[in-house]
């Protein structure tokens, strides 16, 4: 192949990659939009699940703790 064709293919590839990255950054795939009408049923269920999972035992004694031993 001639040098002109290789340079043209390189420039075209760089432009395509750059424009694809710009579109990806602007669109942010997987991003959700929040509505001002409140939370839906699935959001409430997710919140309740998180509270149960991370809630822990409010009456448990956490002062002093337990010595951490390395697992060699």
PDB file of N, CA and C in Angstrom:
ATOM      1  N   UNK A   1       0.838  -1.183   0.000  1.00  0.00           N
ATOM      2  CA  UNK A   1       0.000   0.000   0.000  1.00  0.00           C
ATOM      3  C   UNK A   1       0.881   1.244   0.000  1.00  0.00           C
ATOM      4  N   UNK A   2       0.303   2.289  -0.509  1.00  0.00           N
ATOM      5  CA  UNK A   2       1.076   3.520  -0.534  1.00  0.00           C
ATOM      6  C   UNK A   2       0.961   4.230   0.812  1.00  0.00           C
ATOM      7  N   UNK A   3       1.867   5.149   1.015  1.00  0.00           N
ATOM      8  CA  UNK A   3       1.904   5.882   2.280  1.00  0.00           C
ATOM      9  C   UNK A   3       0.668   6.753   2.461  1.00  0.00           C
ATOM     10  N   UNK A   4       0.136   7.286   1.356  1.00  0.00           N
ATOM     11  CA  UNK A   4      -1.053   8.148   1.457  1.00  0.00           C
ATOM     12  C   UNK A   4      -2.261   7.371   1.986  1.00  0.00           C
ATOM     13  N   UNK A   5      -2.416   6.147   1.509  1.00  0.00           N
ATOM     14  CA  UNK A   5      -3.555   5.337   1.940  1.00  0.00           C
ATOM     15  C   UNK A   5      -3.421   4.987   3.425  1.00  0.00           C
ATOM     16  N   UNK A   6      -2.218   4.633   3.847  1.00  0.00           N
ATOM     17  CA  UNK A   6      -1.999   4.309   5.252  1.00  0.00           C
ATOM     18  C   UNK A   6      -2.249   5.516   6.155  1.00  0.00           C
ATOM     19  N   UNK A   7      -1.794   6.667   5.743  1.00  0.00           N
ATOM     20  CA  UNK A   7      -2.017   7.882   6.526  1.00  0.00           C
ATOM     21  C   UNK A   7      -3.500   8.218   6.569  1.00  0.00           C
ATOM     22  N   UNK A   8      -4.189   8.098   5.441  1.00  0.00           N
ATOM     23  CA  UNK A   8      -5.623   8.383   5.392  1.00  0.00           C
ATOM     24  C   UNK A   8      -6.398   7.412   6.283  1.00  0.00           C
ATOM     25  N   UNK A   9      -6.036   6.135   6.271  1.00  0.00           N
ATOM     26  CA  UNK A   9      -6.693   5.162   7.139  1.00  0.00           C
ATOM     27  C   UNK A   9      -6.417   5.453   8.617  1.00  0.00           C
ATOM     28  N   UNK A  10      -5.214   5.852   8.933  1.00  0.00           N
ATOM     29  CA  UNK A  10      -4.876   6.207  10.315  1.00  0.00           C
ATOM     30  C   UNK A  10      -5.648   7.416  10.802  1.00  0.00           C
ATOM     31  N   UNK A  11      -5.742   8.441   9.961  1.00  0.00           N
ATOM     32  CA  UNK A  11      -6.481   9.646  10.328  1.00  0.00           C
ATOM     33  C   UNK A  11      -7.969   9.327  10.474  1.00  0.00           C
ATOM     34  N   UNK A  12      -8.514   8.544   9.546  1.00  0.00           N
ATOM     35  CA  UNK A  12      -9.925   8.179   9.618  1.00  0.00           C
ATOM     36  C   UNK A  12     -10.210   7.356  10.877  1.00  0.00           C
ATOM     37  N   UNK A  13      -9.320   6.452  11.216  1.00  0.00           N
ATOM     38  CA  UNK A  13      -9.485   5.656  12.431  1.00  0.00           C
ATOM     39  C   UNK A  13      -9.423   6.518  13.678  1.00  0.00           C
ATOM     40  N   UNK A  14      -8.507   7.469  13.705  1.00  0.00           N
ATOM     41  CA  UNK A  14      -8.389   8.356  14.859  1.00  0.00           C
ATOM     42  C   UNK A  14      -9.628   9.233  15.008  1.00  0.00           C
ATOM     43  N   UNK A  15     -10.144   9.732  13.892  1.00  0.00           N
ATOM     44  CA  UNK A  15     -11.356  10.553  13.930  1.00  0.00           C
ATOM     45  C   UNK A  15     -12.542   9.719  14.405  1.00  0.00           C
ATOM     46  N   UNK A  16     -12.675   8.498  13.901  1.00  0.00           N
ATOM     47  CA  UNK A  16     -13.777   7.628  14.305  1.00  0.00           C
ATOM     48  C   UNK A  16     -13.679   7.293  15.794  1.00  0.00           C
ATOM     49  N   UNK A  17     -12.498   6.985  16.264  1.00  0.00           N
ATOM     50  CA  UNK A  17     -12.307   6.668  17.679  1.00  0.00           C
ATOM     51  C   UNK A  17     -12.606   7.880  18.546  1.00  0.00           C
ATOM     52  N   UNK A  18     -12.112   9.036  18.159  1.00  0.00           N
ATOM     53  CA  UNK A  18     -12.343  10.262  18.925  1.00  0.00           C
ATOM     54  C   UNK A  18     -13.812  10.630  18.984  1.00  0.00           C
ATOM     55  N   UNK A  19     -14.506  10.528  17.860  1.00  0.00           N
ATOM     56  CA  UNK A  19     -15.932  10.872  17.867  1.00  0.00           C
ATOM     57  C   UNK A  19     -16.725   9.851  18.676  1.00  0.00           C
ATOM     58  N   UNK A  20     -16.329   8.596  18.629  1.00  0.00           N
ATOM     59  CA  UNK A  20     -16.982   7.586  19.446  1.00  0.00           C
ATOM     60  C   UNK A  20     -16.790   7.852  20.925  1.00  0.00           C
ATOM     61  N   UNK A  21     -15.610   8.262  21.325  1.00  0.00           N
ATOM     62  CA  UNK A  21     -15.346   8.583  22.732  1.00  0.00           C
ATOM     63  C   UNK A  21     -16.152   9.806  23.174  1.00  0.00           C
ATOM     64  N   UNK A  22     -16.264  10.800  22.328  1.00  0.00           N
ATOM     65  CA  UNK A  22     -17.038  11.996  22.670  1.00  0.00           C
ATOM     66  C   UNK A  22     -18.505  11.628  22.864  1.00  0.00           C
ATOM     67  N   UNK A  23     -19.052  10.819  21.965  1.00  0.00           N
ATOM     68  CA  UNK A  23     -20.446  10.391  22.099  1.00  0.00           C
ATOM     69  C   UNK A  23     -20.624   9.575  23.368  1.00  0.00           C
ATOM     70  N   UNK A  24     -19.693   8.688  23.675  1.00  0.00           N
ATOM     71  CA  UNK A  24     -19.792   7.852  24.877  1.00  0.00           C
ATOM     72  C   UNK A  24     -19.756   8.701  26.142  1.00  0.00           C
ATOM     73  N   UNK A  25     -18.905   9.707  26.187  1.00  0.00           N
ATOM     74  CA  UNK A  25     -18.814  10.570  27.359  1.00  0.00           C
ATOM     75  C   UNK A  25     -20.075  11.419  27.517  1.00  0.00           C
ATOM     76  N   UNK A  26     -20.618  11.926  26.419  1.00  0.00           N
ATOM     77  CA  UNK A  26     -21.800  12.769  26.506  1.00  0.00           C
ATOM     78  C   UNK A  26     -23.051  11.979  26.847  1.00  0.00           C
ATOM     79  N   UNK A  27     -23.182  10.776  26.316  1.00  0.00           N
ATOM     80  CA  UNK A  27     -24.395   9.996  26.524  1.00  0.00           C
ATOM     81  C   UNK A  27     -24.345   9.250  27.852  1.00  0.00           C
ATOM     82  N   UNK A  28     -23.190   8.825  28.310  1.00  0.00           N
ATOM     83  CA  UNK A  28     -23.008   8.044  29.530  1.00  0.00           C
ATOM     84  C   UNK A  28     -23.936   6.834  29.538  1.00  0.00           C
ATOM     85  N   UNK A  29     -23.583   5.778  28.854  1.00  0.00           N
ATOM     86  CA  UNK A  29     -24.446   4.602  28.806  1.00  0.00           C
ATOM     87  C   UNK A  29     -24.683   4.034  30.191  1.00  0.00           C
ATOM     88  N   UNK A  30     -25.900   3.632  30.453  1.00  0.00           N
ATOM     89  CA  UNK A  30     -26.251   3.060  31.736  1.00  0.00           C
ATOM     90  C   UNK A  30     -26.657   4.087  32.767  1.00  0.00           C
ATOM     91  N   UNK A  31     -26.519   5.359  32.469  1.00  0.00           N
ATOM     92  CA  UNK A  31     -26.898   6.389  33.422  1.00  0.00           C
ATOM     93  C   UNK A  31     -28.411   6.504  33.444  1.00  0.00           C
ATOM     94  N   UNK A  32     -28.952   6.674  34.633  1.00  0.00           N
ATOM     95  CA  UNK A  32     -30.394   6.812  34.763  1.00  0.00           C
ATOM     96  C   UNK A  32     -30.720   8.240  35.129  1.00  0.00           C
ATOM     97  N   UNK A  33     -31.862   8.680  34.692  1.00  0.00           N
ATOM     98  CA  UNK A  33     -32.293  10.015  35.038  1.00  0.00           C
ATOM     99  C   UNK A  33     -33.254   9.935  36.204  1.00  0.00           C
ATOM    100  N   UNK A  34     -33.112  10.843  37.147  1.00  0.00           N
ATOM    101  CA  UNK A  34     -33.978  10.862  38.310  1.00  0.00           C
ATOM    102  C   UNK A  34     -35.207  11.701  38.002  1.00  0.00           C
ATOM    103  N   UNK A  35     -36.331  11.245  38.492  1.00  0.00           N
ATOM    104  CA  UNK A  35     -37.563  11.986  38.288  1.00  0.00           C
ATOM    105  C   UNK A  35     -37.905  12.730  39.565  1.00  0.00           C
ATOM    106  N   UNK A  36     -38.582  13.847  39.422  1.00  0.00           N
ATOM    107  CA  UNK A  36     -38.939  14.638  40.592  1.00  0.00           C
ATOM    108  C   UNK A  36     -40.269  14.201  41.184  1.00  0.00           C
ATOM    109  N   UNK A  37     -40.883  13.129  40.658  1.00  0.00           N
ATOM    110  CA  UNK A  37     -42.180  12.679  41.158  1.00  0.00           C
ATOM    111  C   UNK A  37     -42.036  11.789  42.375  1.00  0.00           C
ATOM    112  N   UNK A  38     -40.848  11.460  42.790  1.00  0.00           N
ATOM    113  CA  UNK A  38     -40.639  10.605  43.952  1.00  0.00           C
ATOM    114  C   UNK A  38     -39.977   9.304  43.536  1.00  0.00           C
ATOM    115  N   UNK A  39     -40.023   8.345  44.463  1.00  0.00           N
ATOM    116  CA  UNK A  39     -39.379   7.080  44.188  1.00  0.00           C
ATOM    117  C   UNK A  39     -40.393   6.076  43.696  1.00  0.00           C
ATOM    118  N   UNK A  40     -39.960   5.224  42.815  1.00  0.00           N
ATOM    119  CA  UNK A  40     -40.846   4.186  42.311  1.00  0.00           C
ATOM    120  C   UNK A  40     -40.821   3.004  43.269  1.00  0.00           C
ATOM    121  N   UNK A  41     -41.615   2.007  42.993  1.00  0.00           N
ATOM    122  CA  UNK A  41     -41.685   0.842  43.860  1.00  0.00           C
ATOM    123  C   UNK A  41     -40.374   0.094  43.923  1.00  0.00           C
ATOM    124  N   UNK A  42     -39.677  -0.028  42.808  1.00  0.00           N
ATOM    125  CA  UNK A  42     -38.410  -0.748  42.820  1.00  0.00           C
ATOM    126  C   UNK A  42     -37.349   0.020  43.600  1.00  0.00           C
ATOM    127  N   UNK A  43     -37.382   1.342  43.555  1.00  0.00           N
ATOM    128  CA  UNK A  43     -36.427   2.135  44.342  1.00  0.00           C
ATOM    129  C   UNK A  43     -36.663   1.923  45.834  1.00  0.00           C
ATOM    130  N   UNK A  44     -37.916   1.880  46.231  1.00  0.00           N
ATOM    131  CA  UNK A  44     -38.229   1.666  47.643  1.00  0.00           C
ATOM    132  C   UNK A  44     -37.782   0.275  48.078  1.00  0.00           C
ATOM    133  N   UNK A  45     -37.966  -0.714  47.215  1.00  0.00           N
ATOM    134  CA  UNK A  45     -37.536  -2.071  47.549  1.00  0.00           C
ATOM    135  C   UNK A  45     -36.018  -2.144  47.659  1.00  0.00           C
ATOM    136  N   UNK A  46     -35.317  -1.461  46.754  1.00  0.00           N
ATOM    137  CA  UNK A  46     -33.854  -1.450  46.824  1.00  0.00           C
ATOM    138  C   UNK A  46     -33.378  -0.750  48.088  1.00  0.00           C
ATOM    139  N   UNK A  47     -34.019   0.350  48.457  1.00  0.00           N
ATOM    140  CA  UNK A  47     -33.642   1.065  49.667  1.00  0.00           C
ATOM    141  C   UNK A  47     -33.853   0.189  50.903  1.00  0.00           C
ATOM    142  N   UNK A  48     -34.980  -0.507  50.948  1.00  0.00           N
ATOM    143  CA  UNK A  48     -35.258  -1.378  52.095  1.00  0.00           C
ATOM    144  C   UNK A  48     -34.241  -2.507  52.172  1.00  0.00           C
ATOM    145  N   UNK A  49     -33.870  -3.076  51.027  1.00  0.00           N
ATOM    146  CA  UNK A  49     -32.874  -4.140  51.014  1.00  0.00           C
ATOM    147  C   UNK A  49     -31.525  -3.629  51.519  1.00  0.00           C
ATOM    148  N   UNK A  50     -31.128  -2.438  51.073  1.00  0.00           N
ATOM    149  CA  UNK A  50     -29.866  -1.861  51.538  1.00  0.00           C
ATOM    150  C   UNK A  50     -29.892  -1.610  53.036  1.00  0.00           C
ATOM    151  N   UNK A  51     -31.003  -1.101  53.549  1.00  0.00           N
ATOM    152  CA  UNK A  51     -31.091  -0.826  54.984  1.00  0.00           C
ATOM    153  C   UNK A  51     -31.002  -2.108  55.793  1.00  0.00           C
ATOM    154  N   UNK A  52     -31.628  -3.175  55.319  1.00  0.00           N
ATOM    155  CA  UNK A  52     -31.537  -4.452  56.034  1.00  0.00           C
ATOM    156  C   UNK A  52     -30.132  -5.020  55.958  1.00  0.00           C
ATOM    157  N   UNK A  53     -29.489  -4.888  54.798  1.00  0.00           N
ATOM    158  CA  UNK A  53     -28.162  -5.474  54.610  1.00  0.00           C
ATOM    159  C   UNK A  53     -27.100  -4.727  55.410  1.00  0.00           C
ATOM    160  N   UNK A  54     -27.118  -3.392  55.335  1.00  0.00           N
ATOM    161  CA  UNK A  54     -26.082  -2.596  55.980  1.00  0.00           C
ATOM    162  C   UNK A  54     -26.479  -2.107  57.369  1.00  0.00           C
ATOM    163  N   UNK A  55     -27.706  -2.356  57.772  1.00  0.00           N
ATOM    164  CA  UNK A  55     -28.194  -1.816  59.035  1.00  0.00           C
ATOM    165  C   UNK A  55     -27.399  -2.273  60.245  1.00  0.00           C
ATOM    166  N   UNK A  56     -27.054  -3.539  60.315  1.00  0.00           N
ATOM    167  CA  UNK A  56     -26.302  -4.050  61.440  1.00  0.00           C
ATOM    168  C   UNK A  56     -27.168  -4.180  62.681  1.00  0.00           C
ATOM    169  N   UNK A  57     -26.533  -4.450  63.802  1.00  0.00           N
ATOM    170  CA  UNK A  57     -27.223  -4.606  65.075  1.00  0.00           C
ATOM    171  C   UNK A  57     -27.030  -3.332  65.878  1.00  0.00           C
ATOM    172  N   UNK A  58     -28.071  -2.525  66.058  1.00  0.00           N
ATOM    173  CA  UNK A  58     -27.889  -1.263  66.784  1.00  0.00           C
ATOM    174  C   UNK A  58     -27.600  -1.468  68.264  1.00  0.00           C
ATOM    175  N   UNK A  59     -27.942  -2.646  68.815  1.00  0.00           N
ATOM    176  CA  UNK A  59     -27.700  -2.907  70.233  1.00  0.00           C
ATOM    177  C   UNK A  59     -26.381  -3.612  70.482  1.00  0.00           C
ATOM    178  N   UNK A  60     -25.653  -3.960  69.450  1.00  0.00           N
ATOM    179  CA  UNK A  60     -24.399  -4.690  69.609  1.00  0.00           C
ATOM    180  C   UNK A  60     -23.277  -3.786  70.110  1.00  0.00           C
ATOM    181  N   UNK A  61     -22.395  -4.364  70.939  1.00  0.00           N
ATOM    182  CA  UNK A  61     -21.248  -3.620  71.467  1.00  0.00           C
ATOM    183  C   UNK A  61     -20.125  -3.670  70.444  1.00  0.00           C
ATOM    184  N   UNK A  62     -19.785  -2.521  69.885  1.00  0.00           N
ATOM    185  CA  UNK A  62     -18.734  -2.476  68.884  1.00  0.00           C
ATOM    186  C   UNK A  62     -17.462  -1.831  69.418  1.00  0.00           C
ATOM    187  N   UNK A  63     -17.444  -1.457  70.673  1.00  0.00           N
ATOM    188  CA  UNK A  63     -16.256  -0.843  71.257  1.00  0.00           C
ATOM    189  C   UNK A  63     -15.285  -1.938  71.679  1.00  0.00           C
ATOM    190  N   UNK A  64     -14.042  -1.746  71.402  1.00  0.00           N
ATOM    191  CA  UNK A  64     -13.033  -2.737  71.740  1.00  0.00           C
ATOM    192  C   UNK A  64     -12.754  -3.667  70.578  1.00  0.00           C
ATOM    193  N   UNK A  65     -13.778  -4.200  69.988  1.00  0.00           N
ATOM    194  CA  UNK A  65     -13.637  -5.024  68.798  1.00  0.00           C
ATOM    195  C   UNK A  65     -12.914  -6.329  69.044  1.00  0.00           C
ATOM    196  N   UNK A  66     -12.429  -6.915  67.985  1.00  0.00           N
ATOM    197  CA  UNK A  66     -11.720  -8.181  68.036  1.00  0.00           C
ATOM    198  C   UNK A  66     -10.397  -7.989  67.322  1.00  0.00           C
ATOM    199  N   UNK A  67      -9.352  -8.574  67.875  1.00  0.00           N
ATOM    200  CA  UNK A  67      -8.041  -8.451  67.271  1.00  0.00           C
ATOM    201  C   UNK A  67      -8.042  -9.159  65.923  1.00  0.00           C
ATOM    202  N   UNK A  68      -7.500  -8.473  64.932  1.00  0.00           N
ATOM    203  CA  UNK A  68      -7.446  -9.066  63.595  1.00  0.00           C
ATOM    204  C   UNK A  68      -6.147  -9.866  63.468  1.00  0.00           C
ATOM    205  N   UNK A  69      -6.275 -11.092  63.025  1.00  0.00           N
ATOM    206  CA  UNK A  69      -5.120 -11.958  62.858  1.00  0.00           C
ATOM    207  C   UNK A  69      -4.902 -12.193  61.368  1.00  0.00           C
ATOM    208  N   UNK A  70      -3.674 -12.037  60.897  1.00  0.00           N
ATOM    209  CA  UNK A  70      -3.417 -12.278  59.466  1.00  0.00           C
ATOM    210  C   UNK A  70      -3.549 -13.754  59.126  1.00  0.00           C
ATOM    211  N   UNK A  71      -4.018 -14.037  57.923  1.00  0.00           N
ATOM    212  CA  UNK A  71      -4.117 -15.416  57.450  1.00  0.00           C
ATOM    213  C   UNK A  71      -2.916 -15.696  56.550  1.00  0.00           C
ATOM    214  N   UNK A  72      -1.920 -16.276  57.115  1.00  0.00           N
ATOM    215  CA  UNK A  72      -0.719 -16.537  56.349  1.00  0.00           C
ATOM    216  C   UNK A  72      -0.790 -17.892  55.766  1.00  0.00           C
TER     217      UNK A  72
END
